[in-house]
């Protein structure tokens, strides 16, 4: 009986460590875009919902078009989870703010927190 309890506690501790590590790494991914990236407005060409997150938010593939600071036209796709209200606004206005990395402009992060 004691070994079952210890096994359960060990598995719970490992799950907690994994969750904390996941949150930390995911946050640093977004921080990189916001610190090193360039913010600009992108045109939304297409939105395709492919799944739902664990909290029920839509997971979508966005096809975007934007110009870099050097006036290079970029067309790219990004898969991202967005809340329902910002998604409805994006579908209506067909524009959104993004961050892109100057050395990899095809890699973008949609800034769905910004009001149009």
PDB file of N, CA and C in Angstrom:
ATOM      1  N   UNK A   1       0.821  -1.190   0.000  1.00  0.00           N
ATOM      2  CA  UNK A   1       0.000   0.000   0.000  1.00  0.00           C
ATOM      3  C   UNK A   1       0.870   1.260   0.000  1.00  0.00           C
ATOM      4  N   UNK A   2       1.923   1.244   0.804  1.00  0.00           N
ATOM      5  CA  UNK A   2       2.821   2.387   0.876  1.00  0.00           C
ATOM      6  C   UNK A   2       3.515   2.631  -0.461  1.00  0.00           C
ATOM      7  N   UNK A   3       3.886   1.553  -1.146  1.00  0.00           N
ATOM      8  CA  UNK A   3       4.565   1.720  -2.439  1.00  0.00           C
ATOM      9  C   UNK A   3       3.633   2.338  -3.478  1.00  0.00           C
ATOM     10  N   UNK A   4       2.339   2.041  -3.420  1.00  0.00           N
ATOM     11  CA  UNK A   4       1.368   2.632  -4.348  1.00  0.00           C
ATOM     12  C   UNK A   4       1.252   4.137  -4.090  1.00  0.00           C
ATOM     13  N   UNK A   5       1.204   4.509  -2.825  1.00  0.00           N
ATOM     14  CA  UNK A   5       1.109   5.923  -2.468  1.00  0.00           C
ATOM     15  C   UNK A   5       2.367   6.673  -2.907  1.00  0.00           C
ATOM     16  N   UNK A   6       3.544   6.093  -2.660  1.00  0.00           N
ATOM     17  CA  UNK A   6       4.794   6.732  -3.073  1.00  0.00           C
ATOM     18  C   UNK A   6       4.883   6.848  -4.594  1.00  0.00           C
ATOM     19  N   UNK A   7       4.428   5.836  -5.294  1.00  0.00           N
ATOM     20  CA  UNK A   7       4.419   5.871  -6.758  1.00  0.00           C
ATOM     21  C   UNK A   7       3.506   6.990  -7.259  1.00  0.00           C
ATOM     22  N   UNK A   8       2.327   7.110  -6.652  1.00  0.00           N
ATOM     23  CA  UNK A   8       1.384   8.168  -7.028  1.00  0.00           C
ATOM     24  C   UNK A   8       1.972   9.544  -6.763  1.00  0.00           C
ATOM     25  N   UNK A   9       2.606   9.729  -5.601  1.00  0.00           N
ATOM     26  CA  UNK A   9       3.212  11.017  -5.268  1.00  0.00           C
ATOM     27  C   UNK A   9       4.352  11.356  -6.221  1.00  0.00           C
ATOM     28  N   UNK A  10       5.139  10.351  -6.587  1.00  0.00           N
ATOM     29  CA  UNK A  10       6.233  10.574  -7.540  1.00  0.00           C
ATOM     30  C   UNK A  10       5.711  10.985  -8.903  1.00  0.00           C
ATOM     31  N   UNK A  11       4.659  10.321  -9.371  1.00  0.00           N
ATOM     32  CA  UNK A  11       4.068  10.663 -10.664  1.00  0.00           C
ATOM     33  C   UNK A  11       3.452  12.060 -10.624  1.00  0.00           C
ATOM     34  N   UNK A  12       2.821  12.402  -9.516  1.00  0.00           N
ATOM     35  CA  UNK A  12       2.231  13.738  -9.378  1.00  0.00           C
ATOM     36  C   UNK A  12       3.310  14.815  -9.390  1.00  0.00           C
ATOM     37  N   UNK A  13       4.407  14.564  -8.704  1.00  0.00           N
ATOM     38  CA  UNK A  13       5.506  15.531  -8.673  1.00  0.00           C
ATOM     39  C   UNK A  13       6.115  15.703 -10.062  1.00  0.00           C
ATOM     40  N   UNK A  14       6.273  14.606 -10.791  1.00  0.00           N
ATOM     41  CA  UNK A  14       6.825  14.692 -12.146  1.00  0.00           C
ATOM     42  C   UNK A  14       5.883  15.455 -13.070  1.00  0.00           C
ATOM     43  N   UNK A  15       4.588  15.238 -12.924  1.00  0.00           N
ATOM     44  CA  UNK A  15       3.613  15.956 -13.746  1.00  0.00           C
ATOM     45  C   UNK A  15       3.660  17.447 -13.440  1.00  0.00           C
ATOM     46  N   UNK A  16       3.807  17.805 -12.187  1.00  0.00           N
ATOM     47  CA  UNK A  16       3.883  19.211 -11.791  1.00  0.00           C
ATOM     48  C   UNK A  16       5.141  19.863 -12.360  1.00  0.00           C
ATOM     49  N   UNK A  17       6.271  19.175 -12.295  1.00  0.00           N
ATOM     50  CA  UNK A  17       7.520  19.703 -12.853  1.00  0.00           C
ATOM     51  C   UNK A  17       7.379  19.888 -14.358  1.00  0.00           C
ATOM     52  N   UNK A  18       6.794  18.914 -15.037  1.00  0.00           N
ATOM     53  CA  UNK A  18       6.580  19.010 -16.483  1.00  0.00           C
ATOM     54  C   UNK A  18       5.701  20.206 -16.821  1.00  0.00           C
ATOM     55  N   UNK A  19       4.630  20.412 -16.068  1.00  0.00           N
ATOM     56  CA  UNK A  19       3.717  21.523 -16.316  1.00  0.00           C
ATOM     57  C   UNK A  19       4.417  22.869 -16.125  1.00  0.00           C
ATOM     58  N   UNK A  20       5.181  23.010 -15.068  1.00  0.00           N
ATOM     59  CA  UNK A  20       5.909  24.258 -14.815  1.00  0.00           C
ATOM     60  C   UNK A  20       6.933  24.507 -15.918  1.00  0.00           C
ATOM     61  N   UNK A  21       7.645  23.473 -16.331  1.00  0.00           N
ATOM     62  CA  UNK A  21       8.625  23.604 -17.405  1.00  0.00           C
ATOM     63  C   UNK A  21       7.950  23.998 -18.714  1.00  0.00           C
ATOM     64  N   UNK A  22       6.814  23.386 -19.015  1.00  0.00           N
ATOM     65  CA  UNK A  22       6.070  23.708 -20.234  1.00  0.00           C
ATOM     66  C   UNK A  22       5.630  25.171 -20.238  1.00  0.00           C
ATOM     67  N   UNK A  23       5.086  25.637 -19.126  1.00  0.00           N
ATOM     68  CA  UNK A  23       4.629  27.028 -19.029  1.00  0.00           C
ATOM     69  C   UNK A  23       5.810  27.987 -19.178  1.00  0.00           C
ATOM     70  N   UNK A  24       6.925  27.675 -18.546  1.00  0.00           N
ATOM     71  CA  UNK A  24       8.106  28.532 -18.639  1.00  0.00           C
ATOM     72  C   UNK A  24       8.622  28.607 -20.071  1.00  0.00           C
ATOM     73  N   UNK A  25       8.754  27.459 -20.738  1.00  0.00           N
ATOM     74  CA  UNK A  25       9.271  27.447 -22.108  1.00  0.00           C
ATOM     75  C   UNK A  25       8.313  28.121 -23.073  1.00  0.00           C
ATOM     76  N   UNK A  26       7.028  27.922 -22.899  1.00  0.00           N
ATOM     77  CA  UNK A  26       6.038  28.550 -23.776  1.00  0.00           C
ATOM     78  C   UNK A  26       6.060  30.069 -23.603  1.00  0.00           C
ATOM     79  N   UNK A  27       6.197  30.525 -22.375  1.00  0.00           N
ATOM     80  CA  UNK A  27       6.276  31.958 -22.120  1.00  0.00           C
ATOM     81  C   UNK A  27       7.519  32.578 -22.726  1.00  0.00           C
ATOM     82  N   UNK A  28       8.655  31.878 -22.661  1.00  0.00           N
ATOM     83  CA  UNK A  28       9.881  32.424 -23.242  1.00  0.00           C
ATOM     84  C   UNK A  28       9.786  32.482 -24.761  1.00  0.00           C
ATOM     85  N   UNK A  29       9.017  31.577 -25.376  1.00  0.00           N
ATOM     86  CA  UNK A  29       8.785  31.601 -26.823  1.00  0.00           C
ATOM     87  C   UNK A  29       8.059  32.889 -27.208  1.00  0.00           C
ATOM     88  N   UNK A  30       6.986  33.222 -26.495  1.00  0.00           N
ATOM     89  CA  UNK A  30       6.240  34.450 -26.766  1.00  0.00           C
ATOM     90  C   UNK A  30       7.075  35.688 -26.435  1.00  0.00           C
ATOM     91  N   UNK A  31       7.840  35.633 -25.358  1.00  0.00           N
ATOM     92  CA  UNK A  31       8.684  36.764 -24.981  1.00  0.00           C
ATOM     93  C   UNK A  31       9.707  37.077 -26.062  1.00  0.00           C
ATOM     94  N   UNK A  32      10.252  36.040 -26.702  1.00  0.00           N
ATOM     95  CA  UNK A  32      11.239  36.254 -27.764  1.00  0.00           C
ATOM     96  C   UNK A  32      10.632  37.086 -28.890  1.00  0.00           C
ATOM     97  N   UNK A  33       9.403  36.766 -29.288  1.00  0.00           N
ATOM     98  CA  UNK A  33       8.748  37.531 -30.344  1.00  0.00           C
ATOM     99  C   UNK A  33       8.522  38.978 -29.914  1.00  0.00           C
ATOM    100  N   UNK A  34       8.073  39.172 -28.696  1.00  0.00           N
ATOM    101  CA  UNK A  34       7.752  40.527 -28.243  1.00  0.00           C
ATOM    102  C   UNK A  34       9.000  41.359 -27.977  1.00  0.00           C
ATOM    103  N   UNK A  35      10.121  40.728 -27.616  1.00  0.00           N
ATOM    104  CA  UNK A  35      11.350  41.469 -27.350  1.00  0.00           C
ATOM    105  C   UNK A  35      12.178  41.686 -28.615  1.00  0.00           C
ATOM    106  N   UNK A  36      12.320  40.644 -29.434  1.00  0.00           N
ATOM    107  CA  UNK A  36      13.185  40.719 -30.610  1.00  0.00           C
ATOM    108  C   UNK A  36      12.407  40.982 -31.893  1.00  0.00           C
ATOM    109  N   UNK A  37      11.095  40.790 -31.856  1.00  0.00           N
ATOM    110  CA  UNK A  37      10.295  40.890 -33.065  1.00  0.00           C
ATOM    111  C   UNK A  37       9.911  42.308 -33.432  1.00  0.00           C
ATOM    112  N   UNK A  38       9.423  42.433 -34.656  1.00  0.00           N
ATOM    113  CA  UNK A  38       8.930  43.701 -35.180  1.00  0.00           C
ATOM    114  C   UNK A  38       7.412  43.608 -35.231  1.00  0.00           C
ATOM    115  N   UNK A  39       6.741  44.614 -34.710  1.00  0.00           N
ATOM    116  CA  UNK A  39       5.273  44.624 -34.691  1.00  0.00           C
ATOM    117  C   UNK A  39       4.761  45.333 -35.934  1.00  0.00           C
ATOM    118  N   UNK A  40       3.808  44.716 -36.607  1.00  0.00           N
ATOM    119  CA  UNK A  40       3.220  45.315 -37.798  1.00  0.00           C
ATOM    120  C   UNK A  40       1.797  44.804 -37.974  1.00  0.00           C
ATOM    121  N   UNK A  41       1.090  45.393 -38.905  1.00  0.00           N
ATOM    122  CA  UNK A  41      -0.273  44.959 -39.198  1.00  0.00           C
ATOM    123  C   UNK A  41      -0.233  44.002 -40.386  1.00  0.00           C
ATOM    124  N   UNK A  42      -0.984  42.913 -40.299  1.00  0.00           N
ATOM    125  CA  UNK A  42      -1.030  41.920 -41.370  1.00  0.00           C
ATOM    126  C   UNK A  42      -2.454  41.772 -41.884  1.00  0.00           C
ATOM    127  N   UNK A  43      -2.551  41.453 -43.155  1.00  0.00           N
ATOM    128  CA  UNK A  43      -3.845  41.149 -43.759  1.00  0.00           C
ATOM    129  C   UNK A  43      -4.107  39.655 -43.585  1.00  0.00           C
ATOM    130  N   UNK A  44      -5.311  39.317 -43.154  1.00  0.00           N
ATOM    131  CA  UNK A  44      -5.685  37.911 -42.990  1.00  0.00           C
ATOM    132  C   UNK A  44      -6.294  37.430 -44.302  1.00  0.00           C
ATOM    133  N   UNK A  45      -5.640  36.467 -44.926  1.00  0.00           N
ATOM    134  CA  UNK A  45      -6.115  35.904 -46.189  1.00  0.00           C
ATOM    135  C   UNK A  45      -7.139  34.805 -45.924  1.00  0.00           C
ATOM    136  N   UNK A  46      -6.848  33.961 -44.927  1.00  0.00           N
ATOM    137  CA  UNK A  46      -7.740  32.837 -44.629  1.00  0.00           C
ATOM    138  C   UNK A  46      -7.589  32.431 -43.165  1.00  0.00           C
ATOM    139  N   UNK A  47      -8.685  31.965 -42.582  1.00  0.00           N
ATOM    140  CA  UNK A  47      -8.680  31.400 -41.230  1.00  0.00           C
ATOM    141  C   UNK A  47      -9.368  30.047 -41.308  1.00  0.00           C
ATOM    142  N   UNK A  48      -8.681  29.020 -40.803  1.00  0.00           N
ATOM    143  CA  UNK A  48      -9.264  27.677 -40.784  1.00  0.00           C
ATOM    144  C   UNK A  48      -9.146  27.120 -39.371  1.00  0.00           C
ATOM    145  N   UNK A  49     -10.279  26.853 -38.735  1.00  0.00           N
ATOM    146  CA  UNK A  49     -10.242  26.262 -37.400  1.00  0.00           C
ATOM    147  C   UNK A  49      -9.963  24.779 -37.542  1.00  0.00           C
ATOM    148  N   UNK A  50      -8.942  24.298 -36.839  1.00  0.00           N
ATOM    149  CA  UNK A  50      -8.537  22.901 -36.956  1.00  0.00           C
ATOM    150  C   UNK A  50      -8.770  22.099 -35.681  1.00  0.00           C
ATOM    151  N   UNK A  51      -8.970  22.778 -34.554  1.00  0.00           N
ATOM    152  CA  UNK A  51      -9.163  22.064 -33.286  1.00  0.00           C
ATOM    153  C   UNK A  51      -9.644  23.049 -32.230  1.00  0.00           C
ATOM    154  N   UNK A  52      -9.787  22.535 -31.022  1.00  0.00           N
ATOM    155  CA  UNK A  52     -10.082  23.363 -29.855  1.00  0.00           C
ATOM    156  C   UNK A  52      -9.065  23.033 -28.778  1.00  0.00           C
ATOM    157  N   UNK A  53      -8.678  24.044 -28.024  1.00  0.00           N
ATOM    158  CA  UNK A  53      -7.739  23.816 -26.927  1.00  0.00           C
ATOM    159  C   UNK A  53      -8.474  23.156 -25.765  1.00  0.00           C
ATOM    160  N   UNK A  54      -7.734  22.809 -24.739  1.00  0.00           N
ATOM    161  CA  UNK A  54      -8.343  22.206 -23.561  1.00  0.00           C
ATOM    162  C   UNK A  54      -9.345  23.110 -22.880  1.00  0.00           C
ATOM    163  N   UNK A  55      -9.168  24.423 -23.033  1.00  0.00           N
ATOM    164  CA  UNK A  55     -10.099  25.373 -22.423  1.00  0.00           C
ATOM    165  C   UNK A  55     -11.237  25.756 -23.362  1.00  0.00           C
ATOM    166  N   UNK A  56     -11.256  25.181 -24.562  1.00  0.00           N
ATOM    167  CA  UNK A  56     -12.336  25.445 -25.504  1.00  0.00           C
ATOM    168  C   UNK A  56     -12.054  26.539 -26.510  1.00  0.00           C
ATOM    169  N   UNK A  57     -10.891  27.175 -26.425  1.00  0.00           N
ATOM    170  CA  UNK A  57     -10.538  28.212 -27.397  1.00  0.00           C
ATOM    171  C   UNK A  57     -10.195  27.575 -28.740  1.00  0.00           C
ATOM    172  N   UNK A  58     -10.562  28.233 -29.846  1.00  0.00           N
ATOM    173  CA  UNK A  58     -10.272  27.675 -31.164  1.00  0.00           C
ATOM    174  C   UNK A  58      -8.771  27.665 -31.471  1.00  0.00           C
ATOM    175  N   UNK A  59      -8.313  26.574 -32.070  1.00  0.00           N
ATOM    176  CA  UNK A  59      -6.967  26.485 -32.619  1.00  0.00           C
ATOM    177  C   UNK A  59      -7.128  26.651 -34.122  1.00  0.00           C
ATOM    178  N   UNK A  60      -6.496  27.682 -34.681  1.00  0.00           N
ATOM    179  CA  UNK A  60      -6.709  28.025 -36.091  1.00  0.00           C
ATOM    180  C   UNK A  60      -5.393  28.086 -36.850  1.00  0.00           C
ATOM    181  N   UNK A  61      -5.495  27.848 -38.149  1.00  0.00           N
ATOM    182  CA  UNK A  61      -4.389  28.101 -39.062  1.00  0.00           C
ATOM    183  C   UNK A  61      -4.727  29.385 -39.804  1.00  0.00           C
ATOM    184  N   UNK A  62      -3.877  30.385 -39.635  1.00  0.00           N
ATOM    185  CA  UNK A  62      -4.062  31.687 -40.267  1.00  0.00           C
ATOM    186  C   UNK A  62      -3.118  31.794 -41.457  1.00  0.00           C
ATOM    187  N   UNK A  63      -3.639  32.228 -42.591  1.00  0.00           N
ATOM    188  CA  UNK A  63      -2.812  32.586 -43.734  1.00  0.00           C
ATOM    189  C   UNK A  63      -2.738  34.106 -43.753  1.00  0.00           C
ATOM    190  N   UNK A  64      -1.513  34.636 -43.661  1.00  0.00           N
ATOM    191  CA  UNK A  64      -1.307  36.072 -43.490  1.00  0.00           C
ATOM    192  C   UNK A  64      -0.422  36.647 -44.586  1.00  0.00           C
ATOM    193  N   UNK A  65      -0.593  37.933 -44.827  1.00  0.00           N
ATOM    194  CA  UNK A  65       0.245  38.671 -45.763  1.00  0.00           C
ATOM    195  C   UNK A  65       0.611  40.004 -45.111  1.00  0.00           C
ATOM    196  N   UNK A  66       1.907  40.352 -45.152  1.00  0.00           N
ATOM    197  CA  UNK A  66       2.359  41.614 -44.567  1.00  0.00           C
ATOM    198  C   UNK A  66       3.655  42.046 -45.235  1.00  0.00           C
ATOM    199  N   UNK A  67       4.046  43.272 -44.988  1.00  0.00           N
ATOM    200  CA  UNK A  67       5.307  43.809 -45.506  1.00  0.00           C
ATOM    201  C   UNK A  67       6.268  44.037 -44.352  1.00  0.00           C
ATOM    202  N   UNK A  68       7.531  43.693 -44.576  1.00  0.00           N
ATOM    203  CA  UNK A  68       8.561  43.913 -43.566  1.00  0.00           C
ATOM    204  C   UNK A  68       8.995  45.373 -43.599  1.00  0.00           C
ATOM    205  N   UNK A  69       9.877  45.741 -42.678  1.00  0.00           N
ATOM    206  CA  UNK A  69      10.390  47.111 -42.652  1.00  0.00           C
ATOM    207  C   UNK A  69      11.218  47.424 -43.895  1.00  0.00           C
ATOM    208  N   UNK A  70      11.732  46.377 -44.557  1.00  0.00           N
ATOM    209  CA  UNK A  70      12.490  46.579 -45.802  1.00  0.00           C
ATOM    210  C   UNK A  70      11.579  46.460 -47.027  1.00  0.00           C
ATOM    211  N   UNK A  71      10.265  46.511 -46.810  1.00  0.00           N
ATOM    212  CA  UNK A  71       9.239  46.490 -47.863  1.00  0.00           C
ATOM    213  C   UNK A  71       9.178  45.170 -48.630  1.00  0.00           C
ATOM    214  N   UNK A  72       9.647  44.099 -48.008  1.00  0.00           N
ATOM    215  CA  UNK A  72       9.531  42.767 -48.607  1.00  0.00           C
ATOM    216  C   UNK A  72       8.143  42.217 -48.278  1.00  0.00           C
ATOM    217  N   UNK A  73       7.436  41.728 -49.282  1.00  0.00           N
ATOM    218  CA  UNK A  73       6.091  41.172 -49.093  1.00  0.00           C
ATOM    219  C   UNK A  73       6.235  39.719 -48.626  1.00  0.00           C
ATOM    220  N   UNK A  74       5.610  39.390 -47.500  1.00  0.00           N
ATOM    221  CA  UNK A  74       5.689  38.050 -46.918  1.00  0.00           C
ATOM    222  C   UNK A  74       4.292  37.450 -46.866  1.00  0.00           C
ATOM    223  N   UNK A  75       4.171  36.217 -47.328  1.00  0.00           N
ATOM    224  CA  UNK A  75       2.955  35.416 -47.171  1.00  0.00           C
ATOM    225  C   UNK A  75       3.339  34.204 -46.338  1.00  0.00           C
ATOM    226  N   UNK A  76       2.615  33.966 -45.260  1.00  0.00           N
ATOM    227  CA  UNK A  76       2.961  32.868 -44.368  1.00  0.00           C
ATOM    228  C   UNK A  76       1.716  32.310 -43.703  1.00  0.00           C
ATOM    229  N   UNK A  77       1.872  31.154 -43.077  1.00  0.00           N
ATOM    230  CA  UNK A  77       0.792  30.567 -42.279  1.00  0.00           C
ATOM    231  C   UNK A  77       1.307  30.343 -40.866  1.00  0.00           C
ATOM    232  N   UNK A  78       0.393  30.444 -39.915  1.00  0.00           N
ATOM    233  CA  UNK A  78       0.734  30.220 -38.518  1.00  0.00           C
ATOM    234  C   UNK A  78      -0.441  29.518 -37.845  1.00  0.00           C
ATOM    235  N   UNK A  79      -0.115  28.533 -37.011  1.00  0.00           N
ATOM    236  CA  UNK A  79      -1.132  27.827 -36.224  1.00  0.00           C
ATOM    237  C   UNK A  79      -1.081  28.397 -34.814  1.00  0.00           C
ATOM    238  N   UNK A  80      -2.229  28.899 -34.345  1.00  0.00           N
ATOM    239  CA  UNK A  80      -2.240  29.553 -33.036  1.00  0.00           C
ATOM    240  C   UNK A  80      -3.611  29.420 -32.389  1.00  0.00           C
ATOM    241  N   UNK A  81      -3.614  29.320 -31.079  1.00  0.00           N
ATOM    242  CA  UNK A  81      -4.846  29.324 -30.299  1.00  0.00           C
ATOM    243  C   UNK A  81      -5.231  30.771 -30.016  1.00  0.00           C
ATOM    244  N   UNK A  82      -6.489  31.102 -30.273  1.00  0.00           N
ATOM    245  CA  UNK A  82      -6.977  32.460 -30.008  1.00  0.00           C
ATOM    246  C   UNK A  82      -8.301  32.368 -29.263  1.00  0.00           C
ATOM    247  N   UNK A  83      -8.601  33.394 -28.505  1.00  0.00           N
ATOM    248  CA  UNK A  83      -9.895  33.456 -27.829  1.00  0.00           C
ATOM    249  C   UNK A  83     -10.982  33.749 -28.849  1.00  0.00           C
ATOM    250  N   UNK A  84     -12.200  33.405 -28.502  1.00  0.00           N
ATOM    251  CA  UNK A  84     -13.310  33.518 -29.443  1.00  0.00           C
ATOM    252  C   UNK A  84     -13.617  34.960 -29.840  1.00  0.00           C
ATOM    253  N   UNK A  85     -13.626  35.890 -28.892  1.00  0.00           N
ATOM    254  CA  UNK A  85     -13.952  37.283 -29.233  1.00  0.00           C
ATOM    255  C   UNK A  85     -12.940  37.917 -30.187  1.00  0.00           C
ATOM    256  N   UNK A  86     -11.630  37.810 -29.920  1.00  0.00           N
ATOM    257  CA  UNK A  86     -10.681  38.343 -30.907  1.00  0.00           C
ATOM    258  C   UNK A  86     -10.786  37.642 -32.264  1.00  0.00           C
ATOM    259  N   UNK A  87     -11.081  36.346 -32.259  1.00  0.00           N
ATOM    260  CA  UNK A  87     -11.223  35.617 -33.522  1.00  0.00           C
ATOM    261  C   UNK A  87     -12.388  36.167 -34.336  1.00  0.00           C
ATOM    262  N   UNK A  88     -13.506  36.445 -33.680  1.00  0.00           N
ATOM    263  CA  UNK A  88     -14.663  36.999 -34.392  1.00  0.00           C
ATOM    264  C   UNK A  88     -14.316  38.354 -35.003  1.00  0.00           C
ATOM    265  N   UNK A  89     -13.568  39.167 -34.271  1.00  0.00           N
ATOM    266  CA  UNK A  89     -13.156  40.470 -34.791  1.00  0.00           C
ATOM    267  C   UNK A  89     -12.204  40.297 -35.978  1.00  0.00           C
ATOM    268  N   UNK A  90     -11.269  39.353 -35.880  1.00  0.00           N
ATOM    269  CA  UNK A  90     -10.335  39.107 -36.982  1.00  0.00           C
ATOM    270  C   UNK A  90     -11.069  38.652 -38.239  1.00  0.00           C
ATOM    271  N   UNK A  91     -12.076  37.799 -38.063  1.00  0.00           N
ATOM    272  CA  UNK A  91     -12.845  37.332 -39.218  1.00  0.00           C
ATOM    273  C   UNK A  91     -13.597  38.486 -39.876  1.00  0.00           C
ATOM    274  N   UNK A  92     -14.023  39.447 -39.083  1.00  0.00           N
ATOM    275  CA  UNK A  92     -14.801  40.567 -39.610  1.00  0.00           C
ATOM    276  C   UNK A  92     -13.922  41.594 -40.321  1.00  0.00           C
ATOM    277  N   UNK A  93     -12.809  42.012 -39.703  1.00  0.00           N
ATOM    278  CA  UNK A  93     -11.985  43.091 -40.268  1.00  0.00           C
ATOM    279  C   UNK A  93     -10.871  42.592 -41.186  1.00  0.00           C
ATOM    280  N   UNK A  94     -10.546  41.300 -41.110  1.00  0.00           N
ATOM    281  CA  UNK A  94      -9.515  40.676 -41.961  1.00  0.00           C
ATOM    282  C   UNK A  94      -8.134  41.309 -41.805  1.00  0.00           C
ATOM    283  N   UNK A  95      -7.863  41.865 -40.620  1.00  0.00           N
ATOM    284  CA  UNK A  95      -6.548  42.422 -40.311  1.00  0.00           C
ATOM    285  C   UNK A  95      -6.246  42.129 -38.845  1.00  0.00           C
ATOM    286  N   UNK A  96      -4.952  42.030 -38.529  1.00  0.00           N
ATOM    287  CA  UNK A  96      -4.535  41.826 -37.154  1.00  0.00           C
ATOM    288  C   UNK A  96      -3.105  42.307 -36.994  1.00  0.00           C
ATOM    289  N   UNK A  97      -2.709  42.575 -35.758  1.00  0.00           N
ATOM    290  CA  UNK A  97      -1.320  42.910 -35.483  1.00  0.00           C
ATOM    291  C   UNK A  97      -0.544  41.628 -35.245  1.00  0.00           C
ATOM    292  N   UNK A  98       0.698  41.615 -35.710  1.00  0.00           N
ATOM    293  CA  UNK A  98       1.576  40.462 -35.533  1.00  0.00           C
ATOM    294  C   UNK A  98       2.950  40.938 -35.100  1.00  0.00           C
ATOM    295  N   UNK A  99       3.739  40.004 -34.592  1.00  0.00           N
ATOM    296  CA  UNK A  99       5.167  40.191 -34.391  1.00  0.00           C
ATOM    297  C   UNK A  99       5.861  39.210 -35.322  1.00  0.00           C
ATOM    298  N   UNK A 100       6.916  39.658 -35.995  1.00  0.00           N
ATOM    299  CA  UNK A 100       7.723  38.742 -36.798  1.00  0.00           C
ATOM    300  C   UNK A 100       9.185  38.938 -36.433  1.00  0.00           C
ATOM    301  N   UNK A 101       9.964  37.884 -36.605  1.00  0.00           N
ATOM    302  CA  UNK A 101      11.389  37.961 -36.315  1.00  0.00           C
ATOM    303  C   UNK A 101      12.119  38.500 -37.544  1.00  0.00           C
ATOM    304  N   UNK A 102      12.937  39.538 -37.408  1.00  0.00           N
ATOM    305  CA  UNK A 102      13.597  40.145 -38.566  1.00  0.00           C
ATOM    306  C   UNK A 102      14.448  39.162 -39.378  1.00  0.00           C
ATOM    307  N   UNK A 103      15.092  38.218 -38.702  1.00  0.00           N
ATOM    308  CA  UNK A 103      15.920  37.249 -39.421  1.00  0.00           C
ATOM    309  C   UNK A 103      15.112  36.070 -39.968  1.00  0.00           C
ATOM    310  N   UNK A 104      13.882  35.912 -39.541  1.00  0.00           N
ATOM    311  CA  UNK A 104      12.972  34.858 -40.026  1.00  0.00           C
ATOM    312  C   UNK A 104      11.570  35.441 -40.151  1.00  0.00           C
ATOM    313  N   UNK A 105      11.311  36.304 -41.147  1.00  0.00           N
ATOM    314  CA  UNK A 105      10.011  36.975 -41.224  1.00  0.00           C
ATOM    315  C   UNK A 105       8.832  36.041 -41.484  1.00  0.00           C
ATOM    316  N   UNK A 106       9.104  34.800 -41.883  1.00  0.00           N
ATOM    317  CA  UNK A 106       8.010  33.845 -42.078  1.00  0.00           C
ATOM    318  C   UNK A 106       7.500  33.284 -40.755  1.00  0.00           C
ATOM    319  N   UNK A 107       8.233  33.498 -39.669  1.00  0.00           N
ATOM    320  CA  UNK A 107       7.811  33.073 -38.331  1.00  0.00           C
ATOM    321  C   UNK A 107       7.118  34.245 -37.650  1.00  0.00           C
ATOM    322  N   UNK A 108       5.840  34.078 -37.333  1.00  0.00           N
ATOM    323  CA  UNK A 108       5.071  35.186 -36.766  1.00  0.00           C
ATOM    324  C   UNK A 108       4.313  34.748 -35.521  1.00  0.00           C
ATOM    325  N   UNK A 109       3.937  35.729 -34.734  1.00  0.00           N
ATOM    326  CA  UNK A 109       3.081  35.550 -33.569  1.00  0.00           C
ATOM    327  C   UNK A 109       1.950  36.553 -33.697  1.00  0.00           C
ATOM    328  N   UNK A 110       0.722  36.073 -33.683  1.00  0.00           N
ATOM    329  CA  UNK A 110      -0.434  36.962 -33.766  1.00  0.00           C
ATOM    330  C   UNK A 110      -0.664  37.595 -32.404  1.00  0.00           C
ATOM    331  N   UNK A 111      -0.794  38.907 -32.391  1.00  0.00           N
ATOM    332  CA  UNK A 111      -1.076  39.650 -31.161  1.00  0.00           C
ATOM    333  C   UNK A 111      -2.588  39.835 -31.073  1.00  0.00           C
ATOM    334  N   UNK A 112      -3.273  38.838 -30.558  1.00  0.00           N
ATOM    335  CA  UNK A 112      -4.741  38.874 -30.514  1.00  0.00           C
ATOM    336  C   UNK A 112      -5.274  39.696 -29.343  1.00  0.00           C
ATOM    337  N   UNK A 113      -4.380  40.273 -28.549  1.00  0.00           N
ATOM    338  CA  UNK A 113      -4.826  41.078 -27.409  1.00  0.00           C
ATOM    339  C   UNK A 113      -5.086  42.523 -27.795  1.00  0.00           C
ATOM    340  N   UNK A 114      -4.668  42.927 -28.990  1.00  0.00           N
ATOM    341  CA  UNK A 114      -4.785  44.317 -29.415  1.00  0.00           C
ATOM    342  C   UNK A 114      -6.138  44.573 -30.044  1.00  0.00           C
ATOM    343  N   UNK A 115      -6.784  45.631 -29.598  1.00  0.00           N
ATOM    344  CA  UNK A 115      -8.046  46.050 -30.207  1.00  0.00           C
ATOM    345  C   UNK A 115      -7.758  46.744 -31.521  1.00  0.00           C
ATOM    346  N   UNK A 116      -8.624  46.538 -32.491  1.00  0.00           N
ATOM    347  CA  UNK A 116      -8.475  47.161 -33.810  1.00  0.00           C
ATOM    348  C   UNK A 116      -8.842  48.621 -33.741  1.00  0.00           C
TER     349      UNK A 116
END
